[in-house]
């Protein structure tokens, strides 16, 4: 696999952010890179982090190509629901139901 040599600055940055970065997936990538840089066996890294080897390799390639900032970028696929087209009509229906339900029925006998 690809060897990683961290500069002191990169190591310090990764150490600070490995548990504190707001996106847990970025923290996972950072942990993986730190372990690879310390020459931990790849199989052990994958077992420890709960990832597959075909997940670890792109993390390493990303780090080698773009550095620490590349790891922090959100490149996750955001699937689009097939129900997305039906959101607006249902919002209208539910809004009308709420309006109808919020009007109190008359309680007087003369009505």
N, C-alpha and C. Protein backbone atom coordinates (compact mmCIF):
# COMPACT_ATOMS: atom_id res chain seq x y z
N UNK A 1 0.85 -1.18 0.00
CA UNK A 1 0.00 0.00 0.00
C UNK A 1 0.89 1.24 0.00
N UNK A 2 0.26 2.37 -0.14
CA UNK A 2 0.97 3.63 -0.24
C UNK A 2 1.52 4.06 1.12
N UNK A 3 2.82 4.36 1.19
CA UNK A 3 3.38 4.81 2.47
C UNK A 3 3.03 6.28 2.73
N UNK A 4 2.87 6.62 4.00
CA UNK A 4 2.56 8.00 4.37
C UNK A 4 3.63 8.49 5.33
N UNK A 5 4.19 9.63 5.02
CA UNK A 5 5.14 10.31 5.90
C UNK A 5 4.50 11.63 6.28
N UNK A 6 4.20 11.80 7.55
CA UNK A 6 3.58 13.03 8.02
C UNK A 6 4.65 14.03 8.46
N UNK A 7 4.41 15.30 8.11
CA UNK A 7 5.27 16.35 8.65
C UNK A 7 4.84 16.58 10.09
N UNK A 8 5.66 17.27 10.85
CA UNK A 8 5.30 17.56 12.24
C UNK A 8 4.00 18.35 12.31
N UNK A 9 3.84 19.30 11.39
CA UNK A 9 2.63 20.12 11.37
C UNK A 9 1.40 19.28 11.05
N UNK A 10 1.50 18.40 10.06
CA UNK A 10 0.38 17.52 9.69
C UNK A 10 0.02 16.60 10.86
N UNK A 11 1.04 16.03 11.49
CA UNK A 11 0.80 15.12 12.61
C UNK A 11 0.09 15.86 13.75
N UNK A 12 0.55 17.05 14.05
CA UNK A 12 -0.05 17.85 15.13
C UNK A 12 -1.50 18.20 14.79
N UNK A 13 -1.75 18.59 13.55
CA UNK A 13 -3.11 18.93 13.12
C UNK A 13 -4.03 17.73 13.21
N UNK A 14 -3.56 16.60 12.73
CA UNK A 14 -4.39 15.39 12.77
C UNK A 14 -4.64 14.93 14.20
N UNK A 15 -3.63 15.04 15.05
CA UNK A 15 -3.79 14.65 16.46
C UNK A 15 -4.87 15.49 17.13
N UNK A 16 -4.86 16.81 16.85
CA UNK A 16 -5.84 17.72 17.46
C UNK A 16 -7.25 17.42 16.99
N UNK A 17 -7.38 17.06 15.71
CA UNK A 17 -8.72 16.95 15.14
C UNK A 17 -9.26 15.53 15.07
N UNK A 18 -8.49 14.54 15.46
CA UNK A 18 -8.96 13.17 15.29
C UNK A 18 -10.21 12.86 16.10
N UNK A 19 -10.43 13.53 17.21
CA UNK A 19 -11.64 13.28 18.00
C UNK A 19 -12.53 14.52 18.11
N UNK A 20 -12.03 15.67 17.66
CA UNK A 20 -12.80 16.89 17.86
C UNK A 20 -13.46 17.44 16.60
N UNK A 21 -13.15 16.89 15.44
CA UNK A 21 -13.75 17.42 14.22
C UNK A 21 -15.25 17.12 14.25
N UNK A 22 -16.10 18.07 13.84
CA UNK A 22 -17.54 17.88 13.98
C UNK A 22 -18.14 16.72 13.17
N UNK A 23 -17.55 16.38 12.04
CA UNK A 23 -18.09 15.29 11.21
C UNK A 23 -17.41 13.97 11.61
N UNK A 24 -18.18 13.02 12.14
CA UNK A 24 -17.57 11.76 12.59
C UNK A 24 -16.90 10.97 11.46
N UNK A 25 -17.36 11.14 10.23
CA UNK A 25 -16.73 10.43 9.11
C UNK A 25 -15.33 10.98 8.83
N UNK A 26 -15.18 12.29 9.04
CA UNK A 26 -13.86 12.91 8.88
C UNK A 26 -12.94 12.40 9.99
N UNK A 27 -13.46 12.29 11.21
CA UNK A 27 -12.66 11.75 12.33
C UNK A 27 -12.17 10.34 12.01
N UNK A 28 -13.03 9.55 11.39
CA UNK A 28 -12.65 8.19 11.01
C UNK A 28 -11.49 8.22 10.00
N UNK A 29 -11.59 9.09 9.01
CA UNK A 29 -10.52 9.22 8.01
C UNK A 29 -9.21 9.64 8.68
N UNK A 30 -9.31 10.61 9.57
CA UNK A 30 -8.11 11.12 10.26
C UNK A 30 -7.46 10.00 11.06
N UNK A 31 -8.26 9.24 11.80
CA UNK A 31 -7.72 8.12 12.58
C UNK A 31 -7.04 7.10 11.68
N UNK A 32 -7.66 6.82 10.54
CA UNK A 32 -7.08 5.86 9.61
C UNK A 32 -5.72 6.34 9.12
N UNK A 33 -5.62 7.61 8.76
CA UNK A 33 -4.36 8.16 8.25
C UNK A 33 -3.29 8.14 9.33
N UNK A 34 -3.66 8.48 10.56
CA UNK A 34 -2.68 8.44 11.65
C UNK A 34 -2.14 7.02 11.85
N UNK A 35 -3.00 6.04 11.78
CA UNK A 35 -2.57 4.66 11.96
C UNK A 35 -1.70 4.18 10.79
N UNK A 36 -2.07 4.56 9.57
CA UNK A 36 -1.27 4.19 8.40
C UNK A 36 0.12 4.83 8.52
N UNK A 37 0.17 6.07 8.95
CA UNK A 37 1.44 6.78 9.08
C UNK A 37 2.34 6.14 10.14
N UNK A 38 1.73 5.45 11.10
CA UNK A 38 2.51 4.78 12.15
C UNK A 38 2.83 3.34 11.77
N UNK A 39 2.60 3.00 10.51
CA UNK A 39 2.91 1.67 9.97
C UNK A 39 2.17 0.52 10.65
N UNK A 40 0.97 0.79 11.09
CA UNK A 40 0.14 -0.27 11.66
C UNK A 40 -0.35 -1.12 10.49
N UNK A 41 -0.43 -2.41 10.71
CA UNK A 41 -0.87 -3.34 9.66
C UNK A 41 -2.26 -2.95 9.17
N UNK A 42 -2.43 -2.93 7.85
CA UNK A 42 -3.69 -2.46 7.25
C UNK A 42 -4.89 -3.27 7.72
N UNK A 43 -4.72 -4.56 7.84
CA UNK A 43 -5.82 -5.42 8.28
C UNK A 43 -6.25 -5.05 9.70
N UNK A 44 -5.29 -4.76 10.54
CA UNK A 44 -5.58 -4.35 11.92
C UNK A 44 -6.29 -2.99 11.96
N UNK A 45 -5.87 -2.07 11.10
CA UNK A 45 -6.52 -0.76 11.03
C UNK A 45 -7.99 -0.93 10.65
N UNK A 46 -8.23 -1.73 9.62
CA UNK A 46 -9.60 -1.95 9.16
C UNK A 46 -10.45 -2.60 10.24
N UNK A 47 -9.90 -3.56 10.93
CA UNK A 47 -10.64 -4.23 12.01
C UNK A 47 -10.93 -3.25 13.14
N UNK A 48 -9.94 -2.49 13.53
CA UNK A 48 -10.07 -1.54 14.64
C UNK A 48 -11.10 -0.45 14.33
N UNK A 49 -11.08 0.05 13.10
CA UNK A 49 -11.97 1.15 12.73
C UNK A 49 -13.31 0.69 12.17
N UNK A 50 -13.43 -0.61 11.92
CA UNK A 50 -14.69 -1.14 11.40
C UNK A 50 -14.94 -0.77 9.96
N UNK A 51 -13.87 -0.71 9.17
CA UNK A 51 -14.00 -0.39 7.75
C UNK A 51 -13.39 -1.52 6.92
N UNK A 52 -13.65 -1.50 5.64
CA UNK A 52 -13.07 -2.47 4.73
C UNK A 52 -11.82 -1.90 4.09
N UNK A 53 -10.99 -2.76 3.56
CA UNK A 53 -9.76 -2.31 2.91
C UNK A 53 -10.07 -1.41 1.71
N UNK A 54 -11.16 -1.72 1.01
CA UNK A 54 -11.52 -0.88 -0.14
C UNK A 54 -12.06 0.48 0.28
N UNK A 55 -12.21 0.71 1.57
CA UNK A 55 -12.53 2.04 2.11
C UNK A 55 -11.24 2.74 2.54
N UNK A 56 -10.32 1.99 3.10
CA UNK A 56 -9.07 2.56 3.59
C UNK A 56 -8.20 3.09 2.44
N UNK A 57 -8.13 2.36 1.36
CA UNK A 57 -7.26 2.76 0.24
C UNK A 57 -7.65 4.14 -0.31
N UNK A 58 -8.93 4.43 -0.55
CA UNK A 58 -9.27 5.78 -1.02
C UNK A 58 -8.94 6.88 -0.01
N UNK A 59 -9.04 6.58 1.30
CA UNK A 59 -8.65 7.56 2.31
C UNK A 59 -7.18 7.92 2.15
N UNK A 60 -6.35 6.89 1.98
CA UNK A 60 -4.91 7.12 1.84
C UNK A 60 -4.62 7.87 0.55
N UNK A 61 -5.24 7.47 -0.54
CA UNK A 61 -5.03 8.16 -1.82
C UNK A 61 -5.47 9.62 -1.73
N UNK A 62 -6.58 9.86 -1.07
CA UNK A 62 -7.09 11.22 -0.90
C UNK A 62 -6.09 12.06 -0.10
N UNK A 63 -5.57 11.50 0.97
CA UNK A 63 -4.60 12.23 1.78
C UNK A 63 -3.33 12.51 0.98
N UNK A 64 -2.86 11.55 0.25
CA UNK A 64 -1.64 11.75 -0.54
C UNK A 64 -1.85 12.80 -1.63
N UNK A 65 -3.04 12.86 -2.19
CA UNK A 65 -3.31 13.81 -3.26
C UNK A 65 -3.61 15.22 -2.74
N UNK A 66 -4.36 15.31 -1.63
CA UNK A 66 -4.86 16.61 -1.20
C UNK A 66 -4.50 17.00 0.23
N UNK A 67 -3.84 16.12 0.95
CA UNK A 67 -3.43 16.46 2.31
C UNK A 67 -4.57 16.47 3.31
N UNK A 68 -4.32 17.14 4.43
CA UNK A 68 -5.28 17.18 5.54
C UNK A 68 -6.59 17.82 5.09
N UNK A 69 -6.51 18.88 4.32
CA UNK A 69 -7.73 19.57 3.88
C UNK A 69 -8.60 18.68 2.99
N UNK A 70 -7.99 17.80 2.23
CA UNK A 70 -8.76 16.87 1.41
C UNK A 70 -9.59 15.92 2.24
N UNK A 71 -9.06 15.52 3.39
CA UNK A 71 -9.80 14.63 4.28
C UNK A 71 -11.04 15.31 4.86
N UNK A 72 -10.97 16.62 5.02
CA UNK A 72 -12.05 17.36 5.67
C UNK A 72 -13.21 17.69 4.74
N UNK A 73 -13.04 17.53 3.46
CA UNK A 73 -14.09 17.88 2.52
C UNK A 73 -15.22 16.85 2.55
N UNK A 74 -16.43 17.35 2.50
CA UNK A 74 -17.61 16.48 2.50
C UNK A 74 -17.92 16.09 1.07
N UNK A 75 -17.57 14.88 0.70
CA UNK A 75 -17.80 14.39 -0.66
C UNK A 75 -18.75 13.21 -0.66
N UNK A 76 -19.63 13.18 0.30
CA UNK A 76 -20.51 12.03 0.42
C UNK A 76 -21.68 12.18 -0.54
N UNK A 77 -22.02 11.08 -1.13
CA UNK A 77 -23.15 11.05 -2.06
C UNK A 77 -24.42 11.30 -1.26
N UNK A 78 -25.23 12.20 -1.76
CA UNK A 78 -26.50 12.50 -1.10
C UNK A 78 -27.62 12.01 -2.00
N UNK A 79 -28.14 10.82 -1.72
CA UNK A 79 -29.18 10.27 -2.60
C UNK A 79 -30.45 11.12 -2.57
N UNK A 80 -31.12 11.17 -3.68
CA UNK A 80 -32.37 11.91 -3.80
C UNK A 80 -33.52 10.91 -3.75
N UNK A 81 -34.44 11.17 -2.87
CA UNK A 81 -35.58 10.28 -2.71
C UNK A 81 -36.53 10.39 -3.90
N UNK A 82 -37.09 9.27 -4.35
CA UNK A 82 -38.08 9.35 -5.42
C UNK A 82 -39.38 10.03 -4.94
N UNK A 83 -39.53 10.19 -3.64
CA UNK A 83 -40.72 10.83 -3.10
C UNK A 83 -40.58 12.36 -3.03
N UNK A 84 -39.42 12.87 -3.41
CA UNK A 84 -39.17 14.31 -3.32
C UNK A 84 -40.20 15.13 -4.08
N UNK A 85 -40.66 14.64 -5.21
CA UNK A 85 -41.64 15.37 -6.01
C UNK A 85 -43.00 15.49 -5.33
N UNK A 86 -43.23 14.68 -4.31
CA UNK A 86 -44.53 14.67 -3.65
C UNK A 86 -44.56 15.47 -2.36
N UNK A 87 -43.46 16.10 -2.00
CA UNK A 87 -43.38 16.82 -0.73
C UNK A 87 -44.32 18.02 -0.71
N UNK A 88 -44.25 18.87 -1.73
CA UNK A 88 -45.06 20.09 -1.74
C UNK A 88 -46.57 19.80 -1.72
N UNK A 89 -47.07 18.90 -2.56
CA UNK A 89 -48.51 18.62 -2.47
C UNK A 89 -48.95 18.13 -1.09
N UNK A 90 -48.11 17.30 -0.46
CA UNK A 90 -48.48 16.80 0.87
C UNK A 90 -48.40 17.89 1.92
N UNK A 91 -47.46 18.82 1.77
CA UNK A 91 -47.41 19.95 2.70
C UNK A 91 -48.71 20.75 2.63
N UNK A 92 -49.19 20.98 1.41
CA UNK A 92 -50.44 21.72 1.24
C UNK A 92 -51.61 20.97 1.88
N UNK A 93 -51.68 19.68 1.64
CA UNK A 93 -52.76 18.87 2.21
C UNK A 93 -52.74 18.92 3.73
N UNK A 94 -51.55 18.74 4.31
CA UNK A 94 -51.44 18.73 5.77
C UNK A 94 -51.71 20.10 6.37
N UNK A 95 -51.31 21.16 5.68
CA UNK A 95 -51.59 22.50 6.16
C UNK A 95 -53.10 22.74 6.20
N UNK A 96 -53.80 22.31 5.15
CA UNK A 96 -55.25 22.47 5.11
C UNK A 96 -55.93 21.65 6.20
N UNK A 97 -55.43 20.47 6.47
CA UNK A 97 -56.00 19.64 7.53
C UNK A 97 -55.82 20.32 8.88
N UNK A 98 -54.65 20.90 9.11
CA UNK A 98 -54.40 21.60 10.39
C UNK A 98 -55.33 22.79 10.55
N UNK A 99 -55.50 23.54 9.45
CA UNK A 99 -56.39 24.71 9.52
C UNK A 99 -57.81 24.28 9.85
N UNK A 100 -58.27 23.22 9.20
CA UNK A 100 -59.61 22.72 9.44
C UNK A 100 -59.75 22.21 10.88
N UNK A 101 -58.74 21.53 11.37
CA UNK A 101 -58.79 20.96 12.71
C UNK A 101 -58.69 22.05 13.77
N UNK A 102 -58.05 23.17 13.45
CA UNK A 102 -57.87 24.21 14.46
C UNK A 102 -59.10 25.08 14.63
N UNK A 103 -60.02 25.06 13.69
CA UNK A 103 -61.26 25.83 13.85
C UNK A 103 -62.18 25.05 14.78
N UNK A 104 -62.60 25.72 15.85
CA UNK A 104 -63.41 25.04 16.86
C UNK A 104 -64.86 24.98 16.41
N UNK A 105 -65.48 23.85 16.59
CA UNK A 105 -66.90 23.76 16.25
C UNK A 105 -67.75 24.59 17.23
N UNK A 106 -68.82 25.06 16.77
CA UNK A 106 -69.71 25.88 17.60
C UNK A 106 -70.34 25.00 18.65
N UNK A 107 -70.42 25.53 19.87
CA UNK A 107 -71.03 24.75 20.97
C UNK A 107 -72.37 25.32 21.40
N UNK A 108 -72.81 26.39 20.76
CA UNK A 108 -74.11 26.95 21.18
C UNK A 108 -75.24 26.16 20.55
N UNK A 109 -76.39 26.16 21.20
CA UNK A 109 -77.52 25.40 20.71
C UNK A 109 -78.22 26.12 19.57
N UNK A 110 -78.02 27.41 19.44
CA UNK A 110 -78.73 28.15 18.41
C UNK A 110 -78.11 27.95 17.02
N UNK A 111 -76.93 27.45 16.95
CA UNK A 111 -76.27 27.27 15.65
C UNK A 111 -76.73 26.04 14.98
